[in-house]
């Protein structure tokens, strides 16, 4: 389920760092923790899954900042409006529509680092309708989709869509994530048993663009993550489309990567 959050500026500053994604994810964990500390700790530290790979079933979109000015030399956006918005999405049974609206409405959020940032308040929360999913859907990525493999030194090698391993990695990751959903939501087993052969097809339908993001900027834990944005056609069971639409495509969804919108023809 997706929700649109409208934020109203309460501080005097008008500048937001270009690499703002991490700050929003940290704020979402904080808000969930106020209502359910056990759930927040589980999302942040554990996630779902039985192997070393864990999934956290929420995602959020880039900020809608328009109109704005980009100051490249300072790596900041200057807002020209007092309101911005973004969408957040959850795939967790415990989080229902009324709970989310009450959880986020009137909450304060600071988006920024120690150099630049803006104070906001959430002044509106709207639930968004789910698309009517079919086995073949078309999507446009609004935030970078990240896929990686481990190198011999255990560092992450971020794959480009022109890498021969990319499509198999995309499908493998989606399948592994869905298997953890089946574990977390046993009622789905009756509809799609774990041992069912799941038909998959992936076709990239546009040029792809690379995006490099800094996570935890200005700290000792600062890292750089590379992903790609493009349009694509995905063939998969409807339940997998519903999962990916709510929880995100690819890796690192809980820090804002892999947000996709349905393309309507």
C-alpha atoms as a PDB file:
ATOM      1  CA  UNK A   1       0.000   0.000   0.000  1.00  0.00           C
ATOM      2  CA  UNK A   2       1.307   3.405  -0.998  1.00  0.00           C
ATOM      3  CA  UNK A   3       0.792   6.735   0.736  1.00  0.00           C
ATOM      4  CA  UNK A   4       1.539  10.290  -0.337  1.00  0.00           C
ATOM      5  CA  UNK A   5       2.966  12.534   2.396  1.00  0.00           C
ATOM      6  CA  UNK A   6       2.753  16.300   1.992  1.00  0.00           C
ATOM      7  CA  UNK A   7       5.380  18.244   3.978  1.00  0.00           C
ATOM      8  CA  UNK A   8       5.137  21.926   4.882  1.00  0.00           C
ATOM      9  CA  UNK A   9       8.308  23.879   5.599  1.00  0.00           C
ATOM     10  CA  UNK A  10       8.530  25.141   9.186  1.00  0.00           C
ATOM     11  CA  UNK A  11      12.151  26.333   9.270  1.00  0.00           C
ATOM     12  CA  UNK A  12      13.849  29.282   7.588  1.00  0.00           C
ATOM     13  CA  UNK A  13      16.332  27.303   5.507  1.00  0.00           C
ATOM     14  CA  UNK A  14      15.517  26.482   1.883  1.00  0.00           C
ATOM     15  CA  UNK A  15      18.451  24.157   1.126  1.00  0.00           C
ATOM     16  CA  UNK A  16      18.432  20.334   1.010  1.00  0.00           C
ATOM     17  CA  UNK A  17      21.482  18.188   0.199  1.00  0.00           C
ATOM     18  CA  UNK A  18      21.340  16.375  -3.139  1.00  0.00           C
ATOM     19  CA  UNK A  19      22.035  13.088  -1.317  1.00  0.00           C
ATOM     20  CA  UNK A  20      19.020  13.206   0.998  1.00  0.00           C
ATOM     21  CA  UNK A  21      17.762   9.609   0.637  1.00  0.00           C
ATOM     22  CA  UNK A  22      19.328   8.185   3.793  1.00  0.00           C
ATOM     23  CA  UNK A  23      17.809  10.884   6.018  1.00  0.00           C
ATOM     24  CA  UNK A  24      14.266   9.974   4.955  1.00  0.00           C
ATOM     25  CA  UNK A  25      14.821   6.263   5.625  1.00  0.00           C
ATOM     26  CA  UNK A  26      16.235   7.002   9.078  1.00  0.00           C
ATOM     27  CA  UNK A  27      13.204   9.180   9.828  1.00  0.00           C
ATOM     28  CA  UNK A  28      10.769   6.433   8.774  1.00  0.00           C
ATOM     29  CA  UNK A  29      12.474   3.987  11.162  1.00  0.00           C
ATOM     30  CA  UNK A  30      12.210   6.609  13.915  1.00  0.00           C
ATOM     31  CA  UNK A  31       8.484   7.174  13.325  1.00  0.00           C
ATOM     32  CA  UNK A  32       7.713   3.448  13.247  1.00  0.00           C
ATOM     33  CA  UNK A  33       9.772   3.050  16.419  1.00  0.00           C
ATOM     34  CA  UNK A  34       7.606   5.555  18.270  1.00  0.00           C
ATOM     35  CA  UNK A  35       4.574   3.377  17.652  1.00  0.00           C
ATOM     36  CA  UNK A  36       6.158  -0.057  17.780  1.00  0.00           C
ATOM     37  CA  UNK A  37       9.794  -0.286  18.910  1.00  0.00           C
ATOM     38  CA  UNK A  38       9.895  -4.037  18.411  1.00  0.00           C
ATOM     39  CA  UNK A  39       8.754  -3.713  14.800  1.00  0.00           C
ATOM     40  CA  UNK A  40      11.250  -0.921  14.074  1.00  0.00           C
ATOM     41  CA  UNK A  41      14.134  -2.923  15.560  1.00  0.00           C
ATOM     42  CA  UNK A  42      13.127  -5.926  13.481  1.00  0.00           C
ATOM     43  CA  UNK A  43      12.951  -3.892  10.267  1.00  0.00           C
ATOM     44  CA  UNK A  44      16.275  -2.183  10.905  1.00  0.00           C
ATOM     45  CA  UNK A  45      18.309  -5.048  12.268  1.00  0.00           C
ATOM     46  CA  UNK A  46      16.708  -8.239  11.037  1.00  0.00           C
ATOM     47  CA  UNK A  47      14.252  -8.109   8.193  1.00  0.00           C
ATOM     48  CA  UNK A  48      12.712 -11.187   6.660  1.00  0.00           C
ATOM     49  CA  UNK A  49      14.600 -14.149   5.272  1.00  0.00           C
ATOM     50  CA  UNK A  50      16.294 -17.338   6.392  1.00  0.00           C
ATOM     51  CA  UNK A  51      19.726 -16.790   4.846  1.00  0.00           C
ATOM     52  CA  UNK A  52      22.293 -14.025   5.113  1.00  0.00           C
ATOM     53  CA  UNK A  53      20.166 -11.959   2.732  1.00  0.00           C
ATOM     54  CA  UNK A  54      17.368 -10.080   4.518  1.00  0.00           C
ATOM     55  CA  UNK A  55      14.547  -8.031   3.051  1.00  0.00           C
ATOM     56  CA  UNK A  56      12.713  -5.076   4.557  1.00  0.00           C
ATOM     57  CA  UNK A  57       9.300  -4.608   3.056  1.00  0.00           C
ATOM     58  CA  UNK A  58       9.059  -0.867   2.619  1.00  0.00           C
ATOM     59  CA  UNK A  59      10.198   1.687   0.103  1.00  0.00           C
ATOM     60  CA  UNK A  60       9.860   5.393  -0.596  1.00  0.00           C
ATOM     61  CA  UNK A  61      10.027   7.666  -3.592  1.00  0.00           C
ATOM     62  CA  UNK A  62      12.302  10.593  -4.354  1.00  0.00           C
ATOM     63  CA  UNK A  63      11.111  13.966  -3.061  1.00  0.00           C
ATOM     64  CA  UNK A  64       8.913  16.033  -5.351  1.00  0.00           C
ATOM     65  CA  UNK A  65      10.731  19.330  -4.893  1.00  0.00           C
ATOM     66  CA  UNK A  66       9.468  21.268  -7.916  1.00  0.00           C
ATOM     67  CA  UNK A  67      10.021  24.092  -8.393  1.00  0.00           C
ATOM     68  CA  UNK A  68      13.636  24.199  -7.216  1.00  0.00           C
ATOM     69  CA  UNK A  69      17.118  25.411  -8.128  1.00  0.00           C
ATOM     70  CA  UNK A  70      20.045  22.983  -8.238  1.00  0.00           C
ATOM     71  CA  UNK A  71      23.344  24.436  -7.014  1.00  0.00           C
ATOM     72  CA  UNK A  72      25.819  21.919  -8.445  1.00  0.00           C
ATOM     73  CA  UNK A  73      28.918  23.396  -6.814  1.00  0.00           C
ATOM     74  CA  UNK A  74      27.302  23.136  -3.364  1.00  0.00           C
ATOM     75  CA  UNK A  75      25.427  19.891  -4.104  1.00  0.00           C
ATOM     76  CA  UNK A  76      22.152  21.270  -2.727  1.00  0.00           C
ATOM     77  CA  UNK A  77      18.632  21.932  -3.922  1.00  0.00           C
ATOM     78  CA  UNK A  78      17.121  25.339  -3.147  1.00  0.00           C
ATOM     79  CA  UNK A  79      13.357  25.126  -2.688  1.00  0.00           C
ATOM     80  CA  UNK A  80      11.140  27.702  -4.330  1.00  0.00           C
ATOM     81  CA  UNK A  81       8.014  26.490  -2.532  1.00  0.00           C
ATOM     82  CA  UNK A  82       6.994  25.895   1.069  1.00  0.00           C
ATOM     83  CA  UNK A  83       5.542  22.447   0.364  1.00  0.00           C
ATOM     84  CA  UNK A  84       7.071  19.252  -0.981  1.00  0.00           C
ATOM     85  CA  UNK A  85       5.865  15.660  -1.078  1.00  0.00           C
ATOM     86  CA  UNK A  86       6.976  12.073  -1.408  1.00  0.00           C
ATOM     87  CA  UNK A  87       5.408   8.617  -1.289  1.00  0.00           C
ATOM     88  CA  UNK A  88       6.066   5.775   1.125  1.00  0.00           C
ATOM     89  CA  UNK A  89       4.969   2.180   0.680  1.00  0.00           C
ATOM     90  CA  UNK A  90       4.679  -0.829   2.993  1.00  0.00           C
ATOM     91  CA  UNK A  91       4.145  -4.568   2.572  1.00  0.00           C
ATOM     92  CA  UNK A  92       3.543  -5.551   6.190  1.00  0.00           C
ATOM     93  CA  UNK A  93       0.283  -7.026   7.448  1.00  0.00           C
ATOM     94  CA  UNK A  94       0.443  -5.156  10.741  1.00  0.00           C
ATOM     95  CA  UNK A  95       0.528  -1.779   9.088  1.00  0.00           C
ATOM     96  CA  UNK A  96      -2.950  -0.876   7.844  1.00  0.00           C
ATOM     97  CA  UNK A  97      -4.220   2.233   6.144  1.00  0.00           C
ATOM     98  CA  UNK A  98      -5.572   4.000   9.236  1.00  0.00           C
ATOM     99  CA  UNK A  99      -2.429   3.134  11.214  1.00  0.00           C
ATOM    100  CA  UNK A 100      -0.118   4.708   8.626  1.00  0.00           C
ATOM    101  CA  UNK A 101      -2.177   7.870   8.332  1.00  0.00           C
ATOM    102  CA  UNK A 102      -2.236   8.347  12.090  1.00  0.00           C
ATOM    103  CA  UNK A 103       1.421   7.410  12.437  1.00  0.00           C
ATOM    104  CA  UNK A 104       2.809  10.032  10.052  1.00  0.00           C
ATOM    105  CA  UNK A 105       0.315  12.904  10.220  1.00  0.00           C
ATOM    106  CA  UNK A 106       1.625  16.002  12.060  1.00  0.00           C
ATOM    107  CA  UNK A 107       5.055  14.454  12.561  1.00  0.00           C
ATOM    108  CA  UNK A 108       8.112  16.697  12.317  1.00  0.00           C
ATOM    109  CA  UNK A 109      10.970  15.808   9.978  1.00  0.00           C
ATOM    110  CA  UNK A 110      14.367  17.382   9.369  1.00  0.00           C
ATOM    111  CA  UNK A 111      15.816  16.480   5.973  1.00  0.00           C
ATOM    112  CA  UNK A 112      19.491  17.289   5.798  1.00  0.00           C
ATOM    113  CA  UNK A 113      22.913  17.089   7.396  1.00  0.00           C
ATOM    114  CA  UNK A 114      24.811  19.392   9.749  1.00  0.00           C
ATOM    115  CA  UNK A 115      25.499  21.820   6.904  1.00  0.00           C
ATOM    116  CA  UNK A 116      22.221  22.054   5.014  1.00  0.00           C
ATOM    117  CA  UNK A 117      18.688  20.939   5.730  1.00  0.00           C
ATOM    118  CA  UNK A 118      15.080  21.963   6.218  1.00  0.00           C
ATOM    119  CA  UNK A 119      12.547  21.399   8.988  1.00  0.00           C
ATOM    120  CA  UNK A 120       9.127  20.203   7.847  1.00  0.00           C
ATOM    121  CA  UNK A 121       5.862  18.975   9.293  1.00  0.00           C
ATOM    122  CA  UNK A 122       3.691  16.286   7.676  1.00  0.00           C
ATOM    123  CA  UNK A 123       0.449  18.144   7.005  1.00  0.00           C
ATOM    124  CA  UNK A 124      -1.350  15.578   4.834  1.00  0.00           C
ATOM    125  CA  UNK A 125      -1.296  11.802   4.347  1.00  0.00           C
ATOM    126  CA  UNK A 126      -3.229  10.260   1.447  1.00  0.00           C
ATOM    127  CA  UNK A 127      -3.611   6.583   0.609  1.00  0.00           C
ATOM    128  CA  UNK A 128      -3.059   5.852  -3.081  1.00  0.00           C
ATOM    129  CA  UNK A 129      -5.018   3.281  -5.109  1.00  0.00           C
ATOM    130  CA  UNK A 130      -3.213   0.117  -6.164  1.00  0.00           C
ATOM    131  CA  UNK A 131      -2.944  -0.549  -9.905  1.00  0.00           C
ATOM    132  CA  UNK A 132      -4.799  -3.429 -11.498  1.00  0.00           C
ATOM    133  CA  UNK A 133      -1.898  -5.859 -11.945  1.00  0.00           C
ATOM    134  CA  UNK A 134      -1.524  -8.330 -14.798  1.00  0.00           C
ATOM    135  CA  UNK A 135       1.221 -10.885 -15.429  1.00  0.00           C
ATOM    136  CA  UNK A 136       2.983  -8.464 -17.788  1.00  0.00           C
ATOM    137  CA  UNK A 137       3.405  -4.893 -16.547  1.00  0.00           C
ATOM    138  CA  UNK A 138       5.456  -1.887 -17.638  1.00  0.00           C
ATOM    139  CA  UNK A 139       7.344   0.223 -15.105  1.00  0.00           C
ATOM    140  CA  UNK A 140       9.453   3.376 -15.014  1.00  0.00           C
ATOM    141  CA  UNK A 141      12.081   3.673 -12.275  1.00  0.00           C
ATOM    142  CA  UNK A 142      11.944   6.955 -10.369  1.00  0.00           C
ATOM    143  CA  UNK A 143      14.861   6.086  -8.091  1.00  0.00           C
ATOM    144  CA  UNK A 144      17.899   4.027  -9.010  1.00  0.00           C
ATOM    145  CA  UNK A 145      17.566   0.236  -8.997  1.00  0.00           C
ATOM    146  CA  UNK A 146      20.572  -1.395  -7.323  1.00  0.00           C
ATOM    147  CA  UNK A 147      21.827  -4.917  -7.993  1.00  0.00           C
ATOM    148  CA  UNK A 148      25.198  -6.196  -6.812  1.00  0.00           C
ATOM    149  CA  UNK A 149      27.389  -9.266  -6.557  1.00  0.00           C
ATOM    150  CA  UNK A 150      30.179  -9.911  -4.075  1.00  0.00           C
ATOM    151  CA  UNK A 151      33.756  -9.618  -5.296  1.00  0.00           C
ATOM    152  CA  UNK A 152      36.547 -11.855  -3.879  1.00  0.00           C
ATOM    153  CA  UNK A 153      37.465  -9.144  -1.342  1.00  0.00           C
ATOM    154  CA  UNK A 154      33.789  -9.180  -0.197  1.00  0.00           C
ATOM    155  CA  UNK A 155      33.142  -5.717  -1.628  1.00  0.00           C
ATOM    156  CA  UNK A 156      29.960  -5.080  -3.577  1.00  0.00           C
ATOM    157  CA  UNK A 157      30.246  -4.858  -7.353  1.00  0.00           C
ATOM    158  CA  UNK A 158      27.256  -2.891  -8.627  1.00  0.00           C
ATOM    159  CA  UNK A 159      25.972  -4.332 -11.875  1.00  0.00           C
ATOM    160  CA  UNK A 160      25.055  -2.322 -14.955  1.00  0.00           C
ATOM    161  CA  UNK A 161      22.104  -3.391 -17.156  1.00  0.00           C
ATOM    162  CA  UNK A 162      24.565  -4.152 -19.967  1.00  0.00           C
ATOM    163  CA  UNK A 163      26.318  -6.740 -17.765  1.00  0.00           C
ATOM    164  CA  UNK A 164      25.517 -10.280 -18.877  1.00  0.00           C
ATOM    165  CA  UNK A 165      24.606 -11.213 -15.285  1.00  0.00           C
ATOM    166  CA  UNK A 166      22.153  -8.369 -14.779  1.00  0.00           C
ATOM    167  CA  UNK A 167      18.838  -9.892 -15.861  1.00  0.00           C
ATOM    168  CA  UNK A 168      19.438 -13.167 -14.046  1.00  0.00           C
ATOM    169  CA  UNK A 169      20.419 -11.214 -10.916  1.00  0.00           C
ATOM    170  CA  UNK A 170      17.266  -9.084 -11.194  1.00  0.00           C
ATOM    171  CA  UNK A 171      15.010 -12.133 -11.439  1.00  0.00           C
ATOM    172  CA  UNK A 172      16.907 -14.096  -8.769  1.00  0.00           C
ATOM    173  CA  UNK A 173      16.634 -11.236  -6.297  1.00  0.00           C
ATOM    174  CA  UNK A 174      12.909 -10.793  -6.989  1.00  0.00           C
ATOM    175  CA  UNK A 175      12.291 -14.521  -6.581  1.00  0.00           C
ATOM    176  CA  UNK A 176      14.250 -14.708  -3.311  1.00  0.00           C
ATOM    177  CA  UNK A 177      12.346 -11.736  -1.927  1.00  0.00           C
ATOM    178  CA  UNK A 178       9.022 -13.322  -2.849  1.00  0.00           C
ATOM    179  CA  UNK A 179       9.985 -16.589  -1.170  1.00  0.00           C
ATOM    180  CA  UNK A 180      10.485 -14.665   2.077  1.00  0.00           C
ATOM    181  CA  UNK A 181       7.018 -13.157   1.594  1.00  0.00           C
ATOM    182  CA  UNK A 182       5.612 -16.678   1.354  1.00  0.00           C
ATOM    183  CA  UNK A 183       7.314 -17.496   4.646  1.00  0.00           C
ATOM    184  CA  UNK A 184       6.037 -14.302   6.295  1.00  0.00           C
ATOM    185  CA  UNK A 185       2.552 -14.670   4.787  1.00  0.00           C
ATOM    186  CA  UNK A 186       1.683 -18.378   4.877  1.00  0.00           C
ATOM    187  CA  UNK A 187      -1.779 -17.754   3.412  1.00  0.00           C
ATOM    188  CA  UNK A 188      -0.152 -17.078   0.019  1.00  0.00           C
ATOM    189  CA  UNK A 189       1.172 -20.648  -0.095  1.00  0.00           C
ATOM    190  CA  UNK A 190      -2.289 -21.854  -1.063  1.00  0.00           C
ATOM    191  CA  UNK A 191      -2.263 -19.531  -4.075  1.00  0.00           C
ATOM    192  CA  UNK A 192       1.369 -20.001  -5.157  1.00  0.00           C
ATOM    193  CA  UNK A 193       3.149 -22.949  -3.490  1.00  0.00           C
ATOM    194  CA  UNK A 194       6.863 -22.446  -2.880  1.00  0.00           C
ATOM    195  CA  UNK A 195       7.796 -25.252  -5.293  1.00  0.00           C
ATOM    196  CA  UNK A 196       5.726 -23.779  -8.149  1.00  0.00           C
ATOM    197  CA  UNK A 197       7.746 -22.853 -11.207  1.00  0.00           C
ATOM    198  CA  UNK A 198       7.334 -19.091 -11.466  1.00  0.00           C
ATOM    199  CA  UNK A 199       7.376 -17.636 -14.989  1.00  0.00           C
ATOM    200  CA  UNK A 200       9.627 -14.580 -15.287  1.00  0.00           C
ATOM    201  CA  UNK A 201      10.542 -12.267 -18.103  1.00  0.00           C
ATOM    202  CA  UNK A 202      12.444  -8.977 -18.059  1.00  0.00           C
ATOM    203  CA  UNK A 203      12.891  -6.563 -20.947  1.00  0.00           C
ATOM    204  CA  UNK A 204      14.535  -3.152 -20.564  1.00  0.00           C
ATOM    205  CA  UNK A 205      12.585  -0.813 -22.831  1.00  0.00           C
ATOM    206  CA  UNK A 206      14.543   2.453 -22.625  1.00  0.00           C
ATOM    207  CA  UNK A 207      18.062   3.765 -22.363  1.00  0.00           C
ATOM    208  CA  UNK A 208      19.483   3.364 -18.873  1.00  0.00           C
ATOM    209  CA  UNK A 209      21.182   6.084 -16.858  1.00  0.00           C
ATOM    210  CA  UNK A 210      23.662   5.628 -14.024  1.00  0.00           C
ATOM    211  CA  UNK A 211      23.160   7.321 -10.669  1.00  0.00           C
ATOM    212  CA  UNK A 212      25.740   7.390  -7.895  1.00  0.00           C
ATOM    213  CA  UNK A 213      24.434   8.156  -4.396  1.00  0.00           C
ATOM    214  CA  UNK A 214      26.240   8.829  -1.129  1.00  0.00           C
ATOM    215  CA  UNK A 215      24.805   7.040   1.915  1.00  0.00           C
ATOM    216  CA  UNK A 216      25.364   8.525   5.395  1.00  0.00           C
ATOM    217  CA  UNK A 217      27.233  11.502   3.911  1.00  0.00           C
ATOM    218  CA  UNK A 218      29.752  13.263   6.110  1.00  0.00           C
ATOM    219  CA  UNK A 219      30.068  10.364   8.575  1.00  0.00           C
ATOM    220  CA  UNK A 220      32.641   7.632   9.173  1.00  0.00           C
ATOM    221  CA  UNK A 221      30.145   5.168   7.649  1.00  0.00           C
ATOM    222  CA  UNK A 222      29.822   7.071   4.374  1.00  0.00           C
ATOM    223  CA  UNK A 223      29.501   4.785   1.345  1.00  0.00           C
ATOM    224  CA  UNK A 224      28.778   5.199  -2.362  1.00  0.00           C
ATOM    225  CA  UNK A 225      26.058   3.170  -4.056  1.00  0.00           C
ATOM    226  CA  UNK A 226      25.508   2.960  -7.812  1.00  0.00           C
ATOM    227  CA  UNK A 227      22.194   2.135  -9.417  1.00  0.00           C
ATOM    228  CA  UNK A 228      20.399   2.704 -12.695  1.00  0.00           C
ATOM    229  CA  UNK A 229      17.107   4.186 -13.842  1.00  0.00           C
ATOM    230  CA  UNK A 230      15.223   2.957 -16.902  1.00  0.00           C
ATOM    231  CA  UNK A 231      11.849   1.692 -18.099  1.00  0.00           C
ATOM    232  CA  UNK A 232      11.188  -2.027 -18.209  1.00  0.00           C
ATOM    233  CA  UNK A 233       8.641  -4.727 -18.930  1.00  0.00           C
ATOM    234  CA  UNK A 234       8.262  -7.430 -16.288  1.00  0.00           C
ATOM    235  CA  UNK A 235       6.400 -10.708 -16.666  1.00  0.00           C
ATOM    236  CA  UNK A 236       5.689 -12.448 -13.362  1.00  0.00           C
ATOM    237  CA  UNK A 237       2.749 -13.674 -11.252  1.00  0.00           C
ATOM    238  CA  UNK A 238       0.426 -10.888 -10.122  1.00  0.00           C
ATOM    239  CA  UNK A 239       1.419 -11.455  -6.474  1.00  0.00           C
ATOM    240  CA  UNK A 240       5.044 -10.687  -7.315  1.00  0.00           C
ATOM    241  CA  UNK A 241       4.065  -7.455  -9.047  1.00  0.00           C
ATOM    242  CA  UNK A 242       2.094  -6.471  -5.940  1.00  0.00           C
ATOM    243  CA  UNK A 243       5.085  -7.244  -3.731  1.00  0.00           C
ATOM    244  CA  UNK A 244       7.623  -5.333  -5.841  1.00  0.00           C
ATOM    245  CA  UNK A 245       5.303  -2.356  -6.275  1.00  0.00           C
ATOM    246  CA  UNK A 246       4.881  -2.099  -2.491  1.00  0.00           C
ATOM    247  CA  UNK A 247       8.352  -3.144  -1.318  1.00  0.00           C
ATOM    248  CA  UNK A 248      10.556  -1.937  -4.189  1.00  0.00           C
ATOM    249  CA  UNK A 249      12.652  -3.435  -6.978  1.00  0.00           C
ATOM    250  CA  UNK A 250      16.230  -4.581  -6.469  1.00  0.00           C
ATOM    251  CA  UNK A 251      18.312  -3.974  -3.352  1.00  0.00           C
ATOM    252  CA  UNK A 252      18.376  -1.317  -0.618  1.00  0.00           C
ATOM    253  CA  UNK A 253      14.679  -0.421  -0.845  1.00  0.00           C
ATOM    254  CA  UNK A 254      14.647   0.711   2.804  1.00  0.00           C
ATOM    255  CA  UNK A 255      16.961   3.590   1.906  1.00  0.00           C
ATOM    256  CA  UNK A 256      14.945   4.680  -1.103  1.00  0.00           C
ATOM    257  CA  UNK A 257      16.275   2.661  -4.025  1.00  0.00           C
ATOM    258  CA  UNK A 258      14.156   0.823  -6.589  1.00  0.00           C
ATOM    259  CA  UNK A 259      10.958   2.907  -6.573  1.00  0.00           C
ATOM    260  CA  UNK A 260       8.998   2.094  -9.735  1.00  0.00           C
ATOM    261  CA  UNK A 261       5.824   3.599 -11.196  1.00  0.00           C
ATOM    262  CA  UNK A 262       3.436   1.762 -13.502  1.00  0.00           C
ATOM    263  CA  UNK A 263       3.504   3.058 -17.070  1.00  0.00           C
ATOM    264  CA  UNK A 264      -0.017   3.538 -18.394  1.00  0.00           C
ATOM    265  CA  UNK A 265      -0.495   3.200 -22.124  1.00  0.00           C
END
